[in-house]
Amino acid sequence: MRNRSPSLIRNGLAAENDPREVVTDGHAPCFGAELHEATLPPGPDAHIAETRSTEWPAQQQ
């Protein structure tokens, strides 16, 4: 599973007509720690919504 954060941010910026470019760095620390694919998995009681990040901006209007 790849990191979906960059596409989430790109979609959010596009929804706001924000021309900024999203630059990724796979080794950038988060609060001092380098994160990996399995670092922040959802817990066993996580609620996984059906709404996709591409659909969410339209629902906010």
N, C-alpha and C. Protein backbone atom coordinates (compact mmCIF):
# COMPACT_ATOMS: atom_id res chain seq x y z
N MET A 1 0.85 -1.19 0.00
CA MET A 1 0.00 0.00 0.00
C MET A 1 0.89 1.24 0.00
N ARG A 2 0.65 2.13 -0.89
CA ARG A 2 1.48 3.33 -0.96
C ARG A 2 0.87 4.45 -0.13
N ASN A 3 1.69 5.42 0.16
CA ASN A 3 1.23 6.56 0.95
C ASN A 3 0.25 7.39 0.11
N ARG A 4 -0.94 7.59 0.59
CA ARG A 4 -1.97 8.33 -0.14
C ARG A 4 -2.03 9.80 0.24
N SER A 5 -1.24 10.21 1.19
CA SER A 5 -1.28 11.61 1.63
C SER A 5 -1.00 12.60 0.51
N PRO A 6 0.01 12.39 -0.33
CA PRO A 6 0.26 13.37 -1.39
C PRO A 6 -0.94 13.57 -2.31
N SER A 7 -1.61 12.49 -2.70
CA SER A 7 -2.77 12.64 -3.58
C SER A 7 -3.92 13.30 -2.84
N LEU A 8 -4.06 13.03 -1.56
CA LEU A 8 -5.11 13.68 -0.76
C LEU A 8 -4.87 15.19 -0.73
N ILE A 9 -3.63 15.60 -0.49
CA ILE A 9 -3.30 17.02 -0.45
C ILE A 9 -3.46 17.65 -1.84
N ARG A 10 -3.00 16.95 -2.89
CA ARG A 10 -3.16 17.48 -4.25
C ARG A 10 -4.64 17.69 -4.59
N ASN A 11 -5.47 16.73 -4.23
CA ASN A 11 -6.91 16.86 -4.51
C ASN A 11 -7.51 18.03 -3.74
N GLY A 12 -7.10 18.20 -2.49
CA GLY A 12 -7.60 19.31 -1.70
C GLY A 12 -7.20 20.65 -2.28
N LEU A 13 -5.93 20.76 -2.71
CA LEU A 13 -5.47 22.00 -3.32
C LEU A 13 -6.20 22.28 -4.63
N ALA A 14 -6.40 21.23 -5.43
CA ALA A 14 -7.10 21.41 -6.70
C ALA A 14 -8.54 21.85 -6.47
N ALA A 15 -9.19 21.32 -5.45
CA ALA A 15 -10.56 21.70 -5.15
C ALA A 15 -10.68 23.17 -4.78
N GLU A 16 -9.59 23.72 -4.25
CA GLU A 16 -9.57 25.14 -3.87
C GLU A 16 -8.90 26.01 -4.93
N ASN A 17 -8.62 25.42 -6.10
CA ASN A 17 -7.91 26.12 -7.18
C ASN A 17 -6.59 26.71 -6.69
N ASP A 18 -5.91 25.97 -5.83
CA ASP A 18 -4.62 26.38 -5.29
C ASP A 18 -3.52 25.80 -6.16
N PRO A 19 -2.69 26.63 -6.79
CA PRO A 19 -1.71 26.14 -7.75
C PRO A 19 -0.43 25.56 -7.13
N ARG A 20 -0.33 25.54 -5.81
CA ARG A 20 0.91 25.05 -5.21
C ARG A 20 1.18 23.59 -5.57
N GLU A 21 2.47 23.27 -5.70
CA GLU A 21 2.92 21.92 -6.03
C GLU A 21 3.19 21.15 -4.74
N VAL A 22 2.80 19.88 -4.72
CA VAL A 22 3.08 19.01 -3.58
C VAL A 22 4.38 18.29 -3.87
N VAL A 23 5.35 18.44 -2.98
CA VAL A 23 6.66 17.79 -3.12
C VAL A 23 6.77 16.75 -2.01
N THR A 24 7.08 15.51 -2.36
CA THR A 24 7.17 14.46 -1.36
C THR A 24 8.63 14.14 -1.03
N ASP A 25 8.84 13.65 0.17
CA ASP A 25 10.16 13.21 0.62
C ASP A 25 9.93 11.99 1.51
N GLY A 26 10.23 10.82 1.01
CA GLY A 26 10.00 9.58 1.73
C GLY A 26 10.81 9.43 3.00
N HIS A 27 11.79 10.30 3.19
CA HIS A 27 12.63 10.22 4.39
C HIS A 27 12.41 11.40 5.33
N ALA A 28 11.42 12.23 5.05
CA ALA A 28 11.15 13.38 5.92
C ALA A 28 10.59 12.88 7.25
N PRO A 29 11.09 13.38 8.35
CA PRO A 29 10.60 12.91 9.65
C PRO A 29 9.25 13.52 10.02
N CYS A 30 8.51 12.79 10.81
CA CYS A 30 7.24 13.25 11.37
C CYS A 30 7.43 13.25 12.88
N PHE A 31 7.48 14.44 13.47
CA PHE A 31 7.76 14.57 14.91
C PHE A 31 9.05 13.84 15.28
N GLY A 32 10.05 13.90 14.38
CA GLY A 32 11.37 13.35 14.65
C GLY A 32 11.56 11.91 14.24
N ALA A 33 10.53 11.22 13.81
CA ALA A 33 10.66 9.81 13.43
C ALA A 33 10.38 9.63 11.95
N GLU A 34 11.14 8.75 11.31
CA GLU A 34 10.87 8.42 9.91
C GLU A 34 9.75 7.38 9.90
N LEU A 35 8.69 7.65 9.15
CA LEU A 35 7.55 6.75 9.09
C LEU A 35 7.69 5.76 7.95
N HIS A 36 7.12 4.58 8.14
CA HIS A 36 7.12 3.53 7.13
C HIS A 36 5.68 3.12 6.86
N GLU A 37 5.46 2.26 5.88
CA GLU A 37 4.09 1.90 5.48
C GLU A 37 3.24 1.37 6.63
N ALA A 38 3.83 0.61 7.54
CA ALA A 38 3.06 0.00 8.62
C ALA A 38 3.12 0.79 9.92
N THR A 39 3.64 2.02 9.87
CA THR A 39 3.80 2.81 11.09
C THR A 39 2.47 3.25 11.67
N LEU A 40 1.54 3.68 10.85
CA LEU A 40 0.27 4.22 11.33
C LEU A 40 -0.93 3.46 10.77
N PRO A 41 -0.99 2.15 10.96
CA PRO A 41 -2.15 1.42 10.44
C PRO A 41 -3.38 1.69 11.30
N PRO A 42 -4.57 1.56 10.72
CA PRO A 42 -5.78 1.75 11.54
C PRO A 42 -5.89 0.63 12.56
N GLY A 43 -6.46 0.94 13.70
CA GLY A 43 -6.66 -0.05 14.74
C GLY A 43 -7.79 -1.01 14.40
N PRO A 44 -7.97 -2.05 15.20
CA PRO A 44 -9.00 -3.05 14.91
C PRO A 44 -10.43 -2.49 14.98
N ASP A 45 -10.63 -1.39 15.70
CA ASP A 45 -11.97 -0.81 15.82
C ASP A 45 -12.14 0.44 14.95
N ALA A 46 -11.24 0.63 13.99
CA ALA A 46 -11.29 1.82 13.14
C ALA A 46 -12.55 1.83 12.28
N HIS A 47 -13.13 3.01 12.10
CA HIS A 47 -14.27 3.18 11.19
C HIS A 47 -13.72 3.60 9.84
N ILE A 48 -13.88 2.78 8.85
CA ILE A 48 -13.41 3.07 7.50
C ILE A 48 -14.61 3.59 6.71
N ALA A 49 -14.60 4.88 6.40
CA ALA A 49 -15.73 5.51 5.70
C ALA A 49 -15.73 5.14 4.22
N GLU A 50 -16.91 5.18 3.64
CA GLU A 50 -17.04 4.89 2.21
C GLU A 50 -16.68 6.09 1.35
N THR A 51 -16.67 7.29 1.92
CA THR A 51 -16.37 8.50 1.15
C THR A 51 -14.90 8.51 0.77
N ARG A 52 -14.63 8.74 -0.48
CA ARG A 52 -13.26 8.82 -0.98
C ARG A 52 -12.77 10.26 -0.91
N SER A 53 -11.47 10.43 -0.83
CA SER A 53 -10.91 11.78 -0.74
C SER A 53 -11.25 12.61 -1.97
N THR A 54 -11.45 11.97 -3.10
CA THR A 54 -11.80 12.70 -4.32
C THR A 54 -13.25 13.19 -4.29
N GLU A 55 -14.10 12.55 -3.49
CA GLU A 55 -15.52 12.92 -3.39
C GLU A 55 -15.78 13.93 -2.28
N TRP A 56 -14.92 13.96 -1.29
CA TRP A 56 -15.15 14.75 -0.09
C TRP A 56 -15.32 16.25 -0.35
N PRO A 57 -14.48 16.91 -1.17
CA PRO A 57 -14.65 18.37 -1.36
C PRO A 57 -16.04 18.75 -1.90
N ALA A 58 -16.59 17.95 -2.80
CA ALA A 58 -17.91 18.27 -3.35
C ALA A 58 -18.99 18.16 -2.28
N GLN A 59 -18.82 17.28 -1.31
CA GLN A 59 -19.80 17.13 -0.24
C GLN A 59 -19.74 18.26 0.77
N GLN A 60 -18.67 19.05 0.76
CA GLN A 60 -18.51 20.12 1.73
C GLN A 60 -19.18 21.42 1.27
N GLN A 61 -19.63 21.45 0.03
CA GLN A 61 -20.22 22.68 -0.50
C GLN A 61 -21.70 22.74 -0.31
